[in-house]
Amino acid sequence: MSGQQQPPDPGDEALLARLRRIAAEADPVPEMVIQAARSAFGLRELDAELAELVRDSAVDVPATTVRGAAPRLLSFEFGDVAVECEITERALRRDILGQLVGANAAGVAAEVPGAAAVTVPVDERGRFSVRDLPAGPVRLRCRLADGTTVVTSWAAV
């Protein structure tokens, strides 16, 4: 044998297929791993612009301020584009009322780990609303009218 590969034996192929089925039943891939792989697939859009968190009312409010049930305010910026968000807490759920400033948006999608993105429309003033998100990390993916995608950094809400 001088480096030539022999064709696979049909019996070996059948055995491998059977072993794959048994492994899938006995030790299936956890749903969290599948979701993480799907999230990683989102990295295919490497040319998306990152809007960094520049203001967070939960951090920026002076310690002497009395906190009540006021919504949390987050601001993300990339160049001249800003994504302003008001977060309202309802038990373990969150609502985001937002506005894209400095650009026209074609749509906004809210992404949370382990779940499908929630895409919402944007009105002519750049306003959008995402309701009933789980508490935890979230980021917004904004498709601009000129084809650019702006993605906010992750923020715990």
C-alpha atoms as a PDB file:
ATOM      1  CA  MET A   1       0.000   0.000   0.000  1.00  0.00           C
ATOM      2  CA  SER A   2       1.679   3.143  -1.163  1.00  0.00           C
ATOM      3  CA  GLY A   3      -0.477   5.873   0.368  1.00  0.00           C
ATOM      4  CA  GLN A   4      -3.665   5.028  -1.540  1.00  0.00           C
ATOM      5  CA  GLN A   5      -6.894   5.110   0.389  1.00  0.00           C
ATOM      6  CA  GLN A   6      -9.218   2.200  -0.009  1.00  0.00           C
ATOM      7  CA  PRO A   7     -12.931   2.872  -0.502  1.00  0.00           C
ATOM      8  CA  PRO A   8     -14.942   2.575   2.712  1.00  0.00           C
ATOM      9  CA  ASP A   9     -16.429  -0.809   3.399  1.00  0.00           C
ATOM     10  CA  PRO A  10     -20.280  -0.727   3.178  1.00  0.00           C
ATOM     11  CA  GLY A  11     -20.426  -2.766   6.386  1.00  0.00           C
ATOM     12  CA  ASP A  12     -18.323  -0.131   8.173  1.00  0.00           C
ATOM     13  CA  GLU A  13     -20.586   2.679   6.905  1.00  0.00           C
ATOM     14  CA  ALA A  14     -23.683   0.839   8.177  1.00  0.00           C
ATOM     15  CA  LEU A  15     -22.017   0.267  11.543  1.00  0.00           C
ATOM     16  CA  LEU A  16     -21.037   3.946  11.856  1.00  0.00           C
ATOM     17  CA  ALA A  17     -24.575   5.069  10.965  1.00  0.00           C
ATOM     18  CA  ARG A  18     -26.005   2.730  13.619  1.00  0.00           C
ATOM     19  CA  LEU A  19     -23.526   3.994  16.230  1.00  0.00           C
ATOM     20  CA  ARG A  20     -24.480   7.621  15.424  1.00  0.00           C
ATOM     21  CA  ARG A  21     -28.179   6.811  15.967  1.00  0.00           C
ATOM     22  CA  ILE A  22     -27.447   5.069  19.273  1.00  0.00           C
ATOM     23  CA  ALA A  23     -25.289   7.982  20.470  1.00  0.00           C
ATOM     24  CA  ALA A  24     -27.976  10.494  19.494  1.00  0.00           C
ATOM     25  CA  GLU A  25     -30.541   8.603  21.586  1.00  0.00           C
ATOM     26  CA  ALA A  26     -28.304   7.739  24.539  1.00  0.00           C
ATOM     27  CA  ASP A  27     -26.460  11.061  24.804  1.00  0.00           C
ATOM     28  CA  PRO A  28     -28.167  13.775  22.740  1.00  0.00           C
ATOM     29  CA  VAL A  29     -26.550  17.169  22.245  1.00  0.00           C
ATOM     30  CA  PRO A  30     -27.891  19.507  24.983  1.00  0.00           C
ATOM     31  CA  GLU A  31     -30.201  22.262  23.731  1.00  0.00           C
ATOM     32  CA  MET A  32     -27.920  24.886  25.323  1.00  0.00           C
ATOM     33  CA  VAL A  33     -25.033  23.696  23.138  1.00  0.00           C
ATOM     34  CA  ILE A  34     -27.215  23.883  20.028  1.00  0.00           C
ATOM     35  CA  GLN A  35     -28.308  27.435  20.956  1.00  0.00           C
ATOM     36  CA  ALA A  36     -24.698  28.476  21.611  1.00  0.00           C
ATOM     37  CA  ALA A  37     -23.735  27.161  18.181  1.00  0.00           C
ATOM     38  CA  ARG A  38     -26.573  29.122  16.594  1.00  0.00           C
ATOM     39  CA  SER A  39     -25.450  32.258  18.443  1.00  0.00           C
ATOM     40  CA  ALA A  40     -21.880  31.743  17.295  1.00  0.00           C
ATOM     41  CA  PHE A  41     -23.182  31.467  13.753  1.00  0.00           C
ATOM     42  CA  GLY A  42     -24.205  35.114  14.159  1.00  0.00           C
ATOM     43  CA  LEU A  43     -20.507  35.974  14.004  1.00  0.00           C
ATOM     44  CA  ARG A  44     -20.712  35.482  10.240  1.00  0.00           C
ATOM     45  CA  GLU A  45     -21.699  39.145  10.085  1.00  0.00           C
ATOM     46  CA  LEU A  46     -18.291  40.395  11.109  1.00  0.00           C
ATOM     47  CA  ASP A  47     -18.739  43.676   9.278  1.00  0.00           C
ATOM     48  CA  ALA A  48     -21.491  44.770  11.686  1.00  0.00           C
ATOM     49  CA  GLU A  49     -20.610  47.950  13.555  1.00  0.00           C
ATOM     50  CA  LEU A  50     -20.516  47.710  17.362  1.00  0.00           C
ATOM     51  CA  ALA A  51     -22.403  50.344  19.342  1.00  0.00           C
ATOM     52  CA  GLU A  52     -20.827  50.526  22.794  1.00  0.00           C
ATOM     53  CA  LEU A  53     -22.749  51.191  25.998  1.00  0.00           C
ATOM     54  CA  VAL A  54     -21.923  54.793  26.977  1.00  0.00           C
ATOM     55  CA  ARG A  55     -24.588  55.517  29.619  1.00  0.00           C
ATOM     56  CA  ASP A  56     -26.505  53.349  32.083  1.00  0.00           C
ATOM     57  CA  SER A  57     -28.777  55.019  34.626  1.00  0.00           C
ATOM     58  CA  ALA A  58     -28.281  52.073  37.013  1.00  0.00           C
ATOM     59  CA  VAL A  59     -24.579  52.966  37.171  1.00  0.00           C
ATOM     60  CA  ASP A  60     -24.530  56.703  36.464  1.00  0.00           C
ATOM     61  CA  VAL A  61     -27.077  57.769  39.109  1.00  0.00           C
ATOM     62  CA  PRO A  62     -25.407  59.316  42.179  1.00  0.00           C
ATOM     63  CA  ALA A  63     -25.607  57.203  45.333  1.00  0.00           C
ATOM     64  CA  THR A  64     -27.631  59.915  47.099  1.00  0.00           C
ATOM     65  CA  THR A  65     -30.469  59.690  44.576  1.00  0.00           C
ATOM     66  CA  VAL A  66     -33.507  57.828  45.815  1.00  0.00           C
ATOM     67  CA  ARG A  67     -34.336  55.026  43.427  1.00  0.00           C
ATOM     68  CA  GLY A  68     -37.942  54.236  42.821  1.00  0.00           C
ATOM     69  CA  ALA A  69     -39.749  52.379  40.088  1.00  0.00           C
ATOM     70  CA  ALA A  70     -38.270  54.593  37.374  1.00  0.00           C
ATOM     71  CA  PRO A  71     -37.271  52.823  34.155  1.00  0.00           C
ATOM     72  CA  ARG A  72     -33.601  52.148  33.524  1.00  0.00           C
ATOM     73  CA  LEU A  73     -32.033  54.164  30.698  1.00  0.00           C
ATOM     74  CA  LEU A  74     -29.299  52.790  28.434  1.00  0.00           C
ATOM     75  CA  SER A  75     -27.461  54.615  25.631  1.00  0.00           C
ATOM     76  CA  PHE A  76     -25.308  52.915  23.007  1.00  0.00           C
ATOM     77  CA  GLU A  77     -23.246  54.832  20.457  1.00  0.00           C
ATOM     78  CA  PHE A  78     -21.370  54.152  17.254  1.00  0.00           C
ATOM     79  CA  GLY A  79     -20.092  57.283  15.494  1.00  0.00           C
ATOM     80  CA  ASP A  80     -23.089  59.563  14.930  1.00  0.00           C
ATOM     81  CA  VAL A  81     -25.591  56.755  15.555  1.00  0.00           C
ATOM     82  CA  ALA A  82     -27.132  56.316  19.006  1.00  0.00           C
ATOM     83  CA  VAL A  83     -29.531  53.692  20.307  1.00  0.00           C
ATOM     84  CA  GLU A  84     -31.445  55.046  23.301  1.00  0.00           C
ATOM     85  CA  CYS A  85     -33.353  52.511  25.417  1.00  0.00           C
ATOM     86  CA  GLU A  86     -35.749  52.666  28.340  1.00  0.00           C
ATOM     87  CA  ILE A  87     -35.991  49.342  30.211  1.00  0.00           C
ATOM     88  CA  THR A  88     -39.096  48.607  32.260  1.00  0.00           C
ATOM     89  CA  GLU A  89     -39.027  45.701  34.720  1.00  0.00           C
ATOM     90  CA  ARG A  90     -42.056  43.454  35.232  1.00  0.00           C
ATOM     91  CA  ALA A  91     -41.109  40.654  37.648  1.00  0.00           C
ATOM     92  CA  LEU A  92     -38.669  38.488  35.628  1.00  0.00           C
ATOM     93  CA  ARG A  93     -39.639  40.045  32.279  1.00  0.00           C
ATOM     94  CA  ARG A  94     -38.381  43.225  30.591  1.00  0.00           C
ATOM     95  CA  ASP A  95     -39.819  45.676  28.058  1.00  0.00           C
ATOM     96  CA  ILE A  96     -37.579  47.892  25.921  1.00  0.00           C
ATOM     97  CA  LEU A  97     -38.837  51.139  24.474  1.00  0.00           C
ATOM     98  CA  GLY A  98     -36.127  52.513  22.217  1.00  0.00           C
ATOM     99  CA  GLN A  99     -35.183  55.021  19.568  1.00  0.00           C
ATOM    100  CA  LEU A 100     -32.462  54.977  16.952  1.00  0.00           C
ATOM    101  CA  VAL A 101     -30.991  58.458  16.528  1.00  0.00           C
ATOM    102  CA  GLY A 102     -28.755  59.636  13.685  1.00  0.00           C
ATOM    103  CA  ALA A 103     -29.791  57.059  11.076  1.00  0.00           C
ATOM    104  CA  ASN A 104     -32.866  55.536   9.496  1.00  0.00           C
ATOM    105  CA  ALA A 105     -33.502  51.963  10.572  1.00  0.00           C
ATOM    106  CA  ALA A 106     -35.190  49.263   8.554  1.00  0.00           C
ATOM    107  CA  GLY A 107     -35.648  47.003  11.599  1.00  0.00           C
ATOM    108  CA  VAL A 108     -34.434  46.075  15.062  1.00  0.00           C
ATOM    109  CA  ALA A 109     -33.963  42.587  16.507  1.00  0.00           C
ATOM    110  CA  ALA A 110     -33.531  41.883  20.212  1.00  0.00           C
ATOM    111  CA  GLU A 111     -31.224  38.925  20.877  1.00  0.00           C
ATOM    112  CA  VAL A 112     -31.100  36.957  24.123  1.00  0.00           C
ATOM    113  CA  PRO A 113     -28.982  33.838  24.682  1.00  0.00           C
ATOM    114  CA  GLY A 114     -30.848  30.589  24.183  1.00  0.00           C
ATOM    115  CA  ALA A 115     -33.824  32.038  22.306  1.00  0.00           C
ATOM    116  CA  ALA A 116     -34.731  33.168  18.837  1.00  0.00           C
ATOM    117  CA  ALA A 117     -34.257  36.868  18.109  1.00  0.00           C
ATOM    118  CA  VAL A 118     -37.360  39.041  18.352  1.00  0.00           C
ATOM    119  CA  THR A 119     -37.604  41.383  15.348  1.00  0.00           C
ATOM    120  CA  VAL A 120     -39.748  44.496  15.645  1.00  0.00           C
ATOM    121  CA  PRO A 121     -40.605  47.329  13.254  1.00  0.00           C
ATOM    122  CA  VAL A 122     -39.147  50.814  13.541  1.00  0.00           C
ATOM    123  CA  ASP A 123     -41.336  53.866  12.874  1.00  0.00           C
ATOM    124  CA  GLU A 124     -40.370  56.926  10.823  1.00  0.00           C
ATOM    125  CA  ARG A 125     -38.904  58.603  13.928  1.00  0.00           C
ATOM    126  CA  GLY A 126     -36.682  55.632  14.723  1.00  0.00           C
ATOM    127  CA  ARG A 127     -38.814  54.380  17.620  1.00  0.00           C
ATOM    128  CA  PHE A 128     -39.300  50.707  18.436  1.00  0.00           C
ATOM    129  CA  SER A 129     -40.689  48.566  21.233  1.00  0.00           C
ATOM    130  CA  VAL A 130     -39.729  45.065  22.349  1.00  0.00           C
ATOM    131  CA  ARG A 131     -41.957  43.484  24.965  1.00  0.00           C
ATOM    132  CA  ASP A 132     -41.740  40.516  27.309  1.00  0.00           C
ATOM    133  CA  LEU A 133     -38.036  39.675  27.134  1.00  0.00           C
ATOM    134  CA  PRO A 134     -36.553  37.507  29.896  1.00  0.00           C
ATOM    135  CA  ALA A 135     -34.353  39.240  32.461  1.00  0.00           C
ATOM    136  CA  GLY A 136     -30.685  38.791  31.615  1.00  0.00           C
ATOM    137  CA  PRO A 137     -28.280  39.657  28.796  1.00  0.00           C
ATOM    138  CA  VAL A 138     -29.658  41.299  25.662  1.00  0.00           C
ATOM    139  CA  ARG A 139     -28.286  43.058  22.624  1.00  0.00           C
ATOM    140  CA  LEU A 140     -29.972  44.866  19.759  1.00  0.00           C
ATOM    141  CA  ARG A 141     -29.196  44.321  16.084  1.00  0.00           C
ATOM    142  CA  CYS A 142     -30.265  47.362  14.042  1.00  0.00           C
ATOM    143  CA  ARG A 143     -30.520  47.095  10.260  1.00  0.00           C
ATOM    144  CA  LEU A 144     -30.091  50.573   8.833  1.00  0.00           C
ATOM    145  CA  ALA A 145     -31.763  51.746   5.635  1.00  0.00           C
ATOM    146  CA  ASP A 146     -28.355  52.072   3.914  1.00  0.00           C
ATOM    147  CA  GLY A 147     -27.610  48.365   4.511  1.00  0.00           C
ATOM    148  CA  THR A 148     -25.294  48.845   7.494  1.00  0.00           C
ATOM    149  CA  THR A 149     -25.863  46.725  10.575  1.00  0.00           C
ATOM    150  CA  VAL A 150     -25.226  48.214  14.017  1.00  0.00           C
ATOM    151  CA  VAL A 151     -25.137  45.811  16.968  1.00  0.00           C
ATOM    152  CA  THR A 152     -25.161  47.000  20.555  1.00  0.00           C
ATOM    153  CA  SER A 153     -22.836  45.496  23.119  1.00  0.00           C
ATOM    154  CA  TRP A 154     -24.473  42.996  25.467  1.00  0.00           C
ATOM    155  CA  ALA A 155     -26.187  44.513  28.489  1.00  0.00           C
ATOM    156  CA  ALA A 156     -27.752  42.778  31.478  1.00  0.00           C
ATOM    157  CA  VAL A 157     -31.347  43.959  31.843  1.00  0.00           C
END
